[in-house]
mmCIF file of all heavy atoms, coordinates in Angstrom:
data_MODEL
# 
_entry.id   MODEL 
# 
loop_
_atom_site.group_PDB 
_atom_site.id 
_atom_site.type_symbol 
_atom_site.label_atom_id 
_atom_site.label_alt_id 
_atom_site.label_comp_id 
_atom_site.label_asym_id 
_atom_site.label_entity_id 
_atom_site.label_seq_id 
_atom_site.pdbx_PDB_ins_code 
_atom_site.Cartn_x 
_atom_site.Cartn_y 
_atom_site.Cartn_z 
_atom_site.occupancy 
_atom_site.B_iso_or_equiv 
_atom_site.pdbx_formal_charge 
_atom_site.auth_seq_id 
_atom_site.auth_comp_id 
_atom_site.auth_asym_id 
_atom_site.auth_atom_id 
_atom_site.pdbx_PDB_model_num 
ATOM 1   N N   . ARG A 1 1  ? -72.857 212.331 85.226  1.00 0.00 ? 1  ARG A N   1 
ATOM 2   C CA  . ARG A 1 1  ? -72.940 211.317 86.267  1.00 0.00 ? 1  ARG A CA  1 
ATOM 3   C C   . ARG A 1 1  ? -71.627 211.298 87.029  1.00 0.00 ? 1  ARG A C   1 
ATOM 4   O O   . ARG A 1 1  ? -70.580 210.975 86.471  1.00 0.00 ? 1  ARG A O   1 
ATOM 5   C CB  . ARG A 1 1  ? -73.212 209.927 85.694  1.00 0.00 ? 1  ARG A CB  1 
ATOM 6   C CG  . ARG A 1 1  ? -73.556 208.895 86.768  1.00 0.00 ? 1  ARG A CG  1 
ATOM 7   C CD  . ARG A 1 1  ? -73.616 207.493 86.209  1.00 0.00 ? 1  ARG A CD  1 
ATOM 8   N NE  . ARG A 1 1  ? -74.214 206.563 87.157  1.00 0.00 ? 1  ARG A NE  1 
ATOM 9   C CZ  . ARG A 1 1  ? -74.056 205.244 87.116  1.00 0.00 ? 1  ARG A CZ  1 
ATOM 10  N NH1 . ARG A 1 1  ? -73.331 204.697 86.157  1.00 0.00 ? 1  ARG A NH1 1 
ATOM 11  N NH2 . ARG A 1 1  ? -74.645 204.475 88.023  1.00 0.00 ? 1  ARG A NH2 1 
ATOM 12  N N   . LEU A 1 2  ? -71.680 211.650 88.301  1.00 0.00 ? 2  LEU A N   1 
ATOM 13  C CA  . LEU A 1 2  ? -70.507 211.658 89.155  1.00 0.00 ? 2  LEU A CA  1 
ATOM 14  C C   . LEU A 1 2  ? -70.364 210.321 89.873  1.00 0.00 ? 2  LEU A C   1 
ATOM 15  O O   . LEU A 1 2  ? -71.352 209.694 90.230  1.00 0.00 ? 2  LEU A O   1 
ATOM 16  C CB  . LEU A 1 2  ? -70.599 212.776 90.189  1.00 0.00 ? 2  LEU A CB  1 
ATOM 17  C CG  . LEU A 1 2  ? -70.876 214.185 89.672  1.00 0.00 ? 2  LEU A CG  1 
ATOM 18  C CD1 . LEU A 1 2  ? -70.852 215.176 90.824  1.00 0.00 ? 2  LEU A CD1 1 
ATOM 19  C CD2 . LEU A 1 2  ? -69.885 214.576 88.592  1.00 0.00 ? 2  LEU A CD2 1 
ATOM 20  N N   . SER A 1 3  ? -69.116 209.908 90.082  1.00 0.00 ? 3  SER A N   1 
ATOM 21  C CA  . SER A 1 3  ? -68.825 208.679 90.804  1.00 0.00 ? 3  SER A CA  1 
ATOM 22  C C   . SER A 1 3  ? -67.981 208.986 92.024  1.00 0.00 ? 3  SER A C   1 
ATOM 23  O O   . SER A 1 3  ? -67.187 209.929 92.025  1.00 0.00 ? 3  SER A O   1 
ATOM 24  C CB  . SER A 1 3  ? -68.088 207.682 89.910  1.00 0.00 ? 3  SER A CB  1 
ATOM 25  O OG  . SER A 1 3  ? -68.887 207.284 88.818  1.00 0.00 ? 3  SER A OG  1 
ATOM 26  N N   . CYS A 1 4  ? -68.142 208.178 93.062  1.00 0.00 ? 4  CYS A N   1 
ATOM 27  C CA  . CYS A 1 4  ? -67.402 208.333 94.308  1.00 0.00 ? 4  CYS A CA  1 
ATOM 28  C C   . CYS A 1 4  ? -66.929 206.968 94.760  1.00 0.00 ? 4  CYS A C   1 
ATOM 29  O O   . CYS A 1 4  ? -67.739 206.116 95.128  1.00 0.00 ? 4  CYS A O   1 
ATOM 30  C CB  . CYS A 1 4  ? -68.297 208.973 95.370  1.00 0.00 ? 4  CYS A CB  1 
ATOM 31  S SG  . CYS A 1 4  ? -67.599 208.979 97.033  1.00 0.00 ? 4  CYS A SG  1 
ATOM 32  N N   . ALA A 1 5  ? -65.619 206.758 94.728  1.00 0.00 ? 5  ALA A N   1 
ATOM 33  C CA  . ALA A 1 5  ? -65.032 205.496 95.164  1.00 0.00 ? 5  ALA A CA  1 
ATOM 34  C C   . ALA A 1 5  ? -64.556 205.630 96.603  1.00 0.00 ? 5  ALA A C   1 
ATOM 35  O O   . ALA A 1 5  ? -63.764 206.518 96.919  1.00 0.00 ? 5  ALA A O   1 
ATOM 36  C CB  . ALA A 1 5  ? -63.873 205.107 94.253  1.00 0.00 ? 5  ALA A CB  1 
ATOM 37  N N   . ALA A 1 6  ? -65.041 204.760 97.471  1.00 0.00 ? 6  ALA A N   1 
ATOM 38  C CA  . ALA A 1 6  ? -64.672 204.789 98.878  1.00 0.00 ? 6  ALA A CA  1 
ATOM 39  C C   . ALA A 1 6  ? -63.621 203.727 99.176  1.00 0.00 ? 6  ALA A C   1 
ATOM 40  O O   . ALA A 1 6  ? -63.629 202.644 98.590  1.00 0.00 ? 6  ALA A O   1 
ATOM 41  C CB  . ALA A 1 6  ? -65.898 204.565 99.759  1.00 0.00 ? 6  ALA A CB  1 
ATOM 42  N N   . SER A 1 7  ? -62.714 204.040 100.093 1.00 0.00 ? 7  SER A N   1 
ATOM 43  C CA  . SER A 1 7  ? -61.716 203.085 100.536 1.00 0.00 ? 7  SER A CA  1 
ATOM 44  C C   . SER A 1 7  ? -61.640 203.124 102.053 1.00 0.00 ? 7  SER A C   1 
ATOM 45  O O   . SER A 1 7  ? -62.014 204.112 102.687 1.00 0.00 ? 7  SER A O   1 
ATOM 46  C CB  . SER A 1 7  ? -60.346 203.386 99.919  1.00 0.00 ? 7  SER A CB  1 
ATOM 47  O OG  . SER A 1 7  ? -59.880 204.664 100.316 1.00 0.00 ? 7  SER A OG  1 
ATOM 48  N N   . GLY A 1 8  ? -61.140 202.057 102.639 1.00 0.00 ? 8  GLY A N   1 
ATOM 49  C CA  . GLY A 1 8  ? -61.096 201.947 104.077 1.00 0.00 ? 8  GLY A CA  1 
ATOM 50  C C   . GLY A 1 8  ? -62.357 201.287 104.611 1.00 0.00 ? 8  GLY A C   1 
ATOM 51  O O   . GLY A 1 8  ? -63.221 200.847 103.851 1.00 0.00 ? 8  GLY A O   1 
ATOM 52  N N   . ASP A 1 9  ? -62.476 201.252 105.910 1.00 0.00 ? 9  ASP A N   1 
ATOM 53  C CA  . ASP A 1 9  ? -63.602 200.592 106.565 1.00 0.00 ? 9  ASP A CA  1 
ATOM 54  C C   . ASP A 1 9  ? -64.775 201.562 106.687 1.00 0.00 ? 9  ASP A C   1 
ATOM 55  O O   . ASP A 1 9  ? -64.775 202.458 107.532 1.00 0.00 ? 9  ASP A O   1 
ATOM 56  C CB  . ASP A 1 9  ? -63.185 200.081 107.942 1.00 0.00 ? 9  ASP A CB  1 
ATOM 57  C CG  . ASP A 1 9  ? -64.233 199.198 108.588 1.00 0.00 ? 9  ASP A CG  1 
ATOM 58  O OD1 . ASP A 1 9  ? -65.307 199.007 107.997 1.00 0.00 ? 9  ASP A OD1 1 
ATOM 59  O OD2 . ASP A 1 9  ? -63.973 198.698 109.693 1.00 0.00 ? 9  ASP A OD2 1 
ATOM 60  N N   . THR A 1 10 ? -65.789 201.371 105.861 1.00 0.00 ? 10 THR A N   1 
ATOM 61  C CA  . THR A 1 10 ? -66.959 202.241 105.864 1.00 0.00 ? 10 THR A CA  1 
ATOM 62  C C   . THR A 1 10 ? -68.151 201.631 106.597 1.00 0.00 ? 10 THR A C   1 
ATOM 63  O O   . THR A 1 10 ? -69.247 202.194 106.575 1.00 0.00 ? 10 THR A O   1 
ATOM 64  C CB  . THR A 1 10 ? -67.388 202.581 104.428 1.00 0.00 ? 10 THR A CB  1 
ATOM 65  O OG1 . THR A 1 10 ? -67.798 201.381 103.759 1.00 0.00 ? 10 THR A OG1 1 
ATOM 66  C CG2 . THR A 1 10 ? -66.252 203.228 103.656 1.00 0.00 ? 10 THR A CG2 1 
ATOM 67  N N   . ARG A 1 11 ? -67.950 200.507 107.241 1.00 0.00 ? 11 ARG A N   1 
ATOM 68  C CA  . ARG A 1 11 ? -69.064 199.775 107.851 1.00 0.00 ? 11 ARG A CA  1 
ATOM 69  C C   . ARG A 1 11 ? -69.770 200.540 108.953 1.00 0.00 ? 11 ARG A C   1 
ATOM 70  O O   . ARG A 1 11 ? -70.950 200.281 109.215 1.00 0.00 ? 11 ARG A O   1 
ATOM 71  C CB  . ARG A 1 11 ? -68.573 198.434 108.391 1.00 0.00 ? 11 ARG A CB  1 
ATOM 72  C CG  . ARG A 1 11 ? -68.159 197.440 107.311 1.00 0.00 ? 11 ARG A CG  1 
ATOM 73  C CD  . ARG A 1 11 ? -67.612 196.166 107.898 1.00 0.00 ? 11 ARG A CD  1 
ATOM 74  N NE  . ARG A 1 11 ? -66.381 196.401 108.638 1.00 0.00 ? 11 ARG A NE  1 
ATOM 75  C CZ  . ARG A 1 11 ? -65.697 195.466 109.299 1.00 0.00 ? 11 ARG A CZ  1 
ATOM 76  N NH1 . ARG A 1 11 ? -66.165 194.218 109.325 1.00 0.00 ? 11 ARG A NH1 1 
ATOM 77  N NH2 . ARG A 1 11 ? -64.582 195.771 109.936 1.00 0.00 ? 11 ARG A NH2 1 
ATOM 78  N N   . ARG A 1 12 ? -69.091 201.468 109.596 1.00 0.00 ? 12 ARG A N   1 
ATOM 79  C CA  . ARG A 1 12 ? -69.705 202.235 110.675 1.00 0.00 ? 12 ARG A CA  1 
ATOM 80  C C   . ARG A 1 12 ? -70.353 203.534 110.200 1.00 0.00 ? 12 ARG A C   1 
ATOM 81  O O   . ARG A 1 12 ? -70.905 204.276 111.016 1.00 0.00 ? 12 ARG A O   1 
ATOM 82  C CB  . ARG A 1 12 ? -68.675 202.537 111.763 1.00 0.00 ? 12 ARG A CB  1 
ATOM 83  C CG  . ARG A 1 12 ? -68.205 201.288 112.496 1.00 0.00 ? 12 ARG A CG  1 
ATOM 84  C CD  . ARG A 1 12 ? -67.396 201.640 113.721 1.00 0.00 ? 12 ARG A CD  1 
ATOM 85  N NE  . ARG A 1 12 ? -67.015 200.448 114.475 1.00 0.00 ? 12 ARG A NE  1 
ATOM 86  C CZ  . ARG A 1 12 ? -66.425 200.451 115.662 1.00 0.00 ? 12 ARG A CZ  1 
ATOM 87  N NH1 . ARG A 1 12 ? -66.145 201.615 116.245 1.00 0.00 ? 12 ARG A NH1 1 
ATOM 88  N NH2 . ARG A 1 12 ? -66.123 199.321 116.262 1.00 0.00 ? 12 ARG A NH2 1 
ATOM 89  N N   . ILE A 1 13 ? -70.304 203.803 108.910 1.00 0.00 ? 13 ILE A N   1 
ATOM 90  C CA  . ILE A 1 13 ? -70.944 204.991 108.363 1.00 0.00 ? 13 ILE A CA  1 
ATOM 91  C C   . ILE A 1 13 ? -72.372 204.636 107.981 1.00 0.00 ? 13 ILE A C   1 
ATOM 92  O O   . ILE A 1 13 ? -72.602 203.770 107.140 1.00 0.00 ? 13 ILE A O   1 
ATOM 93  C CB  . ILE A 1 13 ? -70.175 205.529 107.147 1.00 0.00 ? 13 ILE A CB  1 
ATOM 94  C CG1 . ILE A 1 13 ? -68.751 205.911 107.552 1.00 0.00 ? 13 ILE A CG1 1 
ATOM 95  C CG2 . ILE A 1 13 ? -70.901 206.720 106.541 1.00 0.00 ? 13 ILE A CG2 1 
ATOM 96  C CD1 . ILE A 1 13 ? -67.887 206.375 106.403 1.00 0.00 ? 13 ILE A CD1 1 
ATOM 97  N N   . ASN A 1 14 ? -73.330 205.322 108.581 1.00 0.00 ? 14 ASN A N   1 
ATOM 98  C CA  . ASN A 1 14 ? -74.728 204.991 108.382 1.00 0.00 ? 14 ASN A CA  1 
ATOM 99  C C   . ASN A 1 14 ? -75.326 205.630 107.133 1.00 0.00 ? 14 ASN A C   1 
ATOM 100 O O   . ASN A 1 14 ? -76.266 205.093 106.554 1.00 0.00 ? 14 ASN A O   1 
ATOM 101 C CB  . ASN A 1 14 ? -75.558 205.396 109.598 1.00 0.00 ? 14 ASN A CB  1 
ATOM 102 C CG  . ASN A 1 14 ? -76.958 204.818 109.562 1.00 0.00 ? 14 ASN A CG  1 
ATOM 103 O OD1 . ASN A 1 14 ? -77.144 203.617 109.409 1.00 0.00 ? 14 ASN A OD1 1 
ATOM 104 N ND2 . ASN A 1 14 ? -77.954 205.685 109.708 1.00 0.00 ? 14 ASN A ND2 1 
ATOM 105 N N   . ALA A 1 15 ? -74.792 206.778 106.728 1.00 0.00 ? 15 ALA A N   1 
ATOM 106 C CA  . ALA A 1 15 ? -75.326 207.472 105.562 1.00 0.00 ? 15 ALA A CA  1 
ATOM 107 C C   . ALA A 1 15 ? -74.203 208.196 104.836 1.00 0.00 ? 15 ALA A C   1 
ATOM 108 O O   . ALA A 1 15 ? -73.251 208.669 105.463 1.00 0.00 ? 15 ALA A O   1 
ATOM 109 C CB  . ALA A 1 15 ? -76.417 208.460 105.974 1.00 0.00 ? 15 ALA A CB  1 
ATOM 110 N N   . PHE A 1 16 ? -74.325 208.282 103.536 1.00 0.00 ? 16 PHE A N   1 
ATOM 111 C CA  . PHE A 1 16 ? -73.342 208.935 102.689 1.00 0.00 ? 16 PHE A CA  1 
ATOM 112 C C   . PHE A 1 16 ? -73.998 210.088 101.942 1.00 0.00 ? 16 PHE A C   1 
ATOM 113 O O   . PHE A 1 16 ? -75.218 210.118 101.769 1.00 0.00 ? 16 PHE A O   1 
ATOM 114 C CB  . PHE A 1 16 ? -72.748 207.930 101.696 1.00 0.00 ? 16 PHE A CB  1 
ATOM 115 C CG  . PHE A 1 16 ? -72.104 206.753 102.359 1.00 0.00 ? 16 PHE A CG  1 
ATOM 116 C CD1 . PHE A 1 16 ? -72.859 205.643 102.719 1.00 0.00 ? 16 PHE A CD1 1 
ATOM 117 C CD2 . PHE A 1 16 ? -70.749 206.749 102.632 1.00 0.00 ? 16 PHE A CD2 1 
ATOM 118 C CE1 . PHE A 1 16 ? -72.276 204.555 103.341 1.00 0.00 ? 16 PHE A CE1 1 
ATOM 119 C CE2 . PHE A 1 16 ? -70.143 205.664 103.256 1.00 0.00 ? 16 PHE A CE2 1 
ATOM 120 C CZ  . PHE A 1 16 ? -70.917 204.564 103.611 1.00 0.00 ? 16 PHE A CZ  1 
ATOM 121 N N   . ALA A 1 17 ? -73.181 211.028 101.473 1.00 0.00 ? 17 ALA A N   1 
ATOM 122 C CA  . ALA A 1 17 ? -73.758 212.213 100.865 1.00 0.00 ? 17 ALA A CA  1 
ATOM 123 C C   . ALA A 1 17 ? -72.835 212.834 99.829  1.00 0.00 ? 17 ALA A C   1 
ATOM 124 O O   . ALA A 1 17 ? -71.619 212.627 99.832  1.00 0.00 ? 17 ALA A O   1 
ATOM 125 C CB  . ALA A 1 17 ? -74.079 213.258 101.936 1.00 0.00 ? 17 ALA A CB  1 
ATOM 126 N N   . TRP A 1 18 ? -73.449 213.606 98.946  1.00 0.00 ? 18 TRP A N   1 
ATOM 127 C CA  . TRP A 1 18 ? -72.752 214.487 98.024  1.00 0.00 ? 18 TRP A CA  1 
ATOM 128 C C   . TRP A 1 18 ? -72.895 215.916 98.526  1.00 0.00 ? 18 TRP A C   1 
ATOM 129 O O   . TRP A 1 18 ? -73.986 216.346 98.917  1.00 0.00 ? 18 TRP A O   1 
ATOM 130 C CB  . TRP A 1 18 ? -73.323 214.387 96.612  1.00 0.00 ? 18 TRP A CB  1 
ATOM 131 C CG  . TRP A 1 18 ? -72.923 213.140 95.883  1.00 0.00 ? 18 TRP A CG  1 
ATOM 132 C CD1 . TRP A 1 18 ? -73.625 211.979 95.788  1.00 0.00 ? 18 TRP A CD1 1 
ATOM 133 C CD2 . TRP A 1 18 ? -71.719 212.946 95.134  1.00 0.00 ? 18 TRP A CD2 1 
ATOM 134 N NE1 . TRP A 1 18 ? -72.935 211.062 95.022  1.00 0.00 ? 18 TRP A NE1 1 
ATOM 135 C CE2 . TRP A 1 18 ? -71.760 211.635 94.612  1.00 0.00 ? 18 TRP A CE2 1 
ATOM 136 C CE3 . TRP A 1 18 ? -70.613 213.753 94.849  1.00 0.00 ? 18 TRP A CE3 1 
ATOM 137 C CZ2 . TRP A 1 18 ? -70.729 211.109 93.825  1.00 0.00 ? 18 TRP A CZ2 1 
ATOM 138 C CZ3 . TRP A 1 18 ? -69.592 213.228 94.072  1.00 0.00 ? 18 TRP A CZ3 1 
ATOM 139 C CH2 . TRP A 1 18 ? -69.659 211.919 93.571  1.00 0.00 ? 18 TRP A CH2 1 
ATOM 140 N N   . PHE A 1 19 ? -71.782 216.631 98.513  1.00 0.00 ? 19 PHE A N   1 
ATOM 141 C CA  . PHE A 1 19 ? -71.734 218.037 98.883  1.00 0.00 ? 19 PHE A CA  1 
ATOM 142 C C   . PHE A 1 19 ? -71.220 218.836 97.693  1.00 0.00 ? 19 PHE A C   1 
ATOM 143 O O   . PHE A 1 19 ? -70.614 218.284 96.776  1.00 0.00 ? 19 PHE A O   1 
ATOM 144 C CB  . PHE A 1 19 ? -70.801 218.263 100.075 1.00 0.00 ? 19 PHE A CB  1 
ATOM 145 C CG  . PHE A 1 19 ? -71.167 217.505 101.320 1.00 0.00 ? 19 PHE A CG  1 
ATOM 146 C CD1 . PHE A 1 19 ? -70.813 216.175 101.476 1.00 0.00 ? 19 PHE A CD1 1 
ATOM 147 C CD2 . PHE A 1 19 ? -71.853 218.130 102.346 1.00 0.00 ? 19 PHE A CD2 1 
ATOM 148 C CE1 . PHE A 1 19 ? -71.130 215.476 102.627 1.00 0.00 ? 19 PHE A CE1 1 
ATOM 149 C CE2 . PHE A 1 19 ? -72.185 217.442 103.503 1.00 0.00 ? 19 PHE A CE2 1 
ATOM 150 C CZ  . PHE A 1 19 ? -71.824 216.115 103.646 1.00 0.00 ? 19 PHE A CZ  1 
ATOM 151 N N   . ARG A 1 20 ? -71.441 220.131 97.713  1.00 0.00 ? 20 ARG A N   1 
ATOM 152 C CA  . ARG A 1 20 ? -70.851 220.993 96.689  1.00 0.00 ? 20 ARG A CA  1 
ATOM 153 C C   . ARG A 1 20 ? -70.468 222.339 97.284  1.00 0.00 ? 20 ARG A C   1 
ATOM 154 O O   . ARG A 1 20 ? -71.029 222.788 98.276  1.00 0.00 ? 20 ARG A O   1 
ATOM 155 C CB  . ARG A 1 20 ? -71.799 221.193 95.500  1.00 0.00 ? 20 ARG A CB  1 
ATOM 156 C CG  . ARG A 1 20 ? -73.065 221.980 95.804  1.00 0.00 ? 20 ARG A CG  1 
ATOM 157 C CD  . ARG A 1 20 ? -73.977 221.993 94.583  1.00 0.00 ? 20 ARG A CD  1 
ATOM 158 N NE  . ARG A 1 20 ? -75.220 222.722 94.821  1.00 0.00 ? 20 ARG A NE  1 
ATOM 159 C CZ  . ARG A 1 20 ? -76.237 222.756 93.976  1.00 0.00 ? 20 ARG A CZ  1 
ATOM 160 N NH1 . ARG A 1 20 ? -76.169 222.095 92.823  1.00 0.00 ? 20 ARG A NH1 1 
ATOM 161 N NH2 . ARG A 1 20 ? -77.334 223.448 94.275  1.00 0.00 ? 20 ARG A NH2 1 
ATOM 162 N N   . ARG A 1 21 ? -69.463 222.959 96.672  1.00 0.00 ? 21 ARG A N   1 
ATOM 163 C CA  . ARG A 1 21 ? -69.008 224.273 97.084  1.00 0.00 ? 21 ARG A CA  1 
ATOM 164 C C   . ARG A 1 21 ? -68.853 225.153 95.852  1.00 0.00 ? 21 ARG A C   1 
ATOM 165 O O   . ARG A 1 21 ? -68.019 224.872 94.984  1.00 0.00 ? 21 ARG A O   1 
ATOM 166 C CB  . ARG A 1 21 ? -67.674 224.170 97.835  1.00 0.00 ? 21 ARG A CB  1 
ATOM 167 C CG  . ARG A 1 21 ? -67.127 225.531 98.268  1.00 0.00 ? 21 ARG A CG  1 
ATOM 168 C CD  . ARG A 1 21 ? -65.696 225.426 98.779  1.00 0.00 ? 21 ARG A CD  1 
ATOM 169 N NE  . ARG A 1 21 ? -64.804 224.864 97.785  1.00 0.00 ? 21 ARG A NE  1 
ATOM 170 C CZ  . ARG A 1 21 ? -64.310 225.515 96.748  1.00 0.00 ? 21 ARG A CZ  1 
ATOM 171 N NH1 . ARG A 1 21 ? -64.653 226.793 96.540  1.00 0.00 ? 21 ARG A NH1 1 
ATOM 172 N NH2 . ARG A 1 21 ? -63.484 224.919 95.901  1.00 0.00 ? 21 ARG A NH2 1 
ATOM 173 N N   . ALA A 1 22 ? -69.662 226.178 95.784  1.00 0.00 ? 22 ALA A N   1 
ATOM 174 C CA  . ALA A 1 22 ? -69.553 227.162 94.722  1.00 0.00 ? 22 ALA A CA  1 
ATOM 175 C C   . ALA A 1 22 ? -68.532 228.211 95.140  1.00 0.00 ? 22 ALA A C   1 
ATOM 176 O O   . ALA A 1 22 ? -68.307 228.425 96.330  1.00 0.00 ? 22 ALA A O   1 
ATOM 177 C CB  . ALA A 1 22 ? -70.907 227.804 94.449  1.00 0.00 ? 22 ALA A CB  1 
ATOM 178 N N   . PRO A 1 23 ? -67.897 228.889 94.185  1.00 0.00 ? 23 PRO A N   1 
ATOM 179 C CA  . PRO A 1 23 ? -66.890 229.897 94.520  1.00 0.00 ? 23 PRO A CA  1 
ATOM 180 C C   . PRO A 1 23 ? -67.427 230.957 95.478  1.00 0.00 ? 23 PRO A C   1 
ATOM 181 O O   . PRO A 1 23 ? -68.499 231.518 95.256  1.00 0.00 ? 23 PRO A O   1 
ATOM 182 C CB  . PRO A 1 23 ? -66.534 230.508 93.167  1.00 0.00 ? 23 PRO A CB  1 
ATOM 183 C CG  . PRO A 1 23 ? -66.806 229.410 92.194  1.00 0.00 ? 23 PRO A CG  1 
ATOM 184 C CD  . PRO A 1 23 ? -68.023 228.717 92.732  1.00 0.00 ? 23 PRO A CD  1 
ATOM 185 N N   . GLY A 1 24 ? -66.686 231.199 96.565  1.00 0.00 ? 24 GLY A N   1 
ATOM 186 C CA  . GLY A 1 24 ? -67.071 232.208 97.531  1.00 0.00 ? 24 GLY A CA  1 
ATOM 187 C C   . GLY A 1 24 ? -68.212 231.826 98.444  1.00 0.00 ? 24 GLY A C   1 
ATOM 188 O O   . GLY A 1 24 ? -68.677 232.663 99.222  1.00 0.00 ? 24 GLY A O   1 
ATOM 189 N N   . LYS A 1 25 ? -68.672 230.575 98.385  1.00 0.00 ? 25 LYS A N   1 
ATOM 190 C CA  . LYS A 1 25 ? -69.786 230.132 99.210  1.00 0.00 ? 25 LYS A CA  1 
ATOM 191 C C   . LYS A 1 25 ? -69.386 228.941 100.073 1.00 0.00 ? 25 LYS A C   1 
ATOM 192 O O   . LYS A 1 25 ? -68.390 228.274 99.814  1.00 0.00 ? 25 LYS A O   1 
ATOM 193 C CB  . LYS A 1 25 ? -70.988 229.775 98.339  1.00 0.00 ? 25 LYS A CB  1 
ATOM 194 C CG  . LYS A 1 25 ? -71.550 230.940 97.546  1.00 0.00 ? 25 LYS A CG  1 
ATOM 195 C CD  . LYS A 1 25 ? -72.811 230.540 96.805  1.00 0.00 ? 25 LYS A CD  1 
ATOM 196 C CE  . LYS A 1 25 ? -73.402 231.725 96.061  1.00 0.00 ? 25 LYS A CE  1 
ATOM 197 N NZ  . LYS A 1 25 ? -74.642 231.354 95.337  1.00 0.00 ? 25 LYS A NZ  1 
ATOM 198 N N   . GLN A 1 26 ? -70.186 228.688 101.101 1.00 0.00 ? 26 GLN A N   1 
ATOM 199 C CA  . GLN A 1 26 ? -69.934 227.570 101.993 1.00 0.00 ? 26 GLN A CA  1 
ATOM 200 C C   . GLN A 1 26 ? -70.331 226.253 101.348 1.00 0.00 ? 26 GLN A C   1 
ATOM 201 O O   . GLN A 1 26 ? -71.125 226.209 100.409 1.00 0.00 ? 26 GLN A O   1 
ATOM 202 C CB  . GLN A 1 26 ? -70.695 227.743 103.306 1.00 0.00 ? 26 GLN A CB  1 
ATOM 203 C CG  . GLN A 1 26 ? -70.182 228.870 104.190 1.00 0.00 ? 26 GLN A CG  1 
ATOM 204 C CD  . GLN A 1 26 ? -70.853 228.881 105.542 1.00 0.00 ? 26 GLN A CD  1 
ATOM 205 O OE1 . GLN A 1 26 ? -72.035 228.549 105.665 1.00 0.00 ? 26 GLN A OE1 1 
ATOM 206 N NE2 . GLN A 1 26 ? -70.110 229.252 106.567 1.00 0.00 ? 26 GLN A NE2 1 
# 
């Protein structure tokens, strides 16, 4: 289970996401 703590003013962000990068890939 991964956690993501946000700081700052996020009120104008409509959607949030998880991304990943494997070695040598975008």
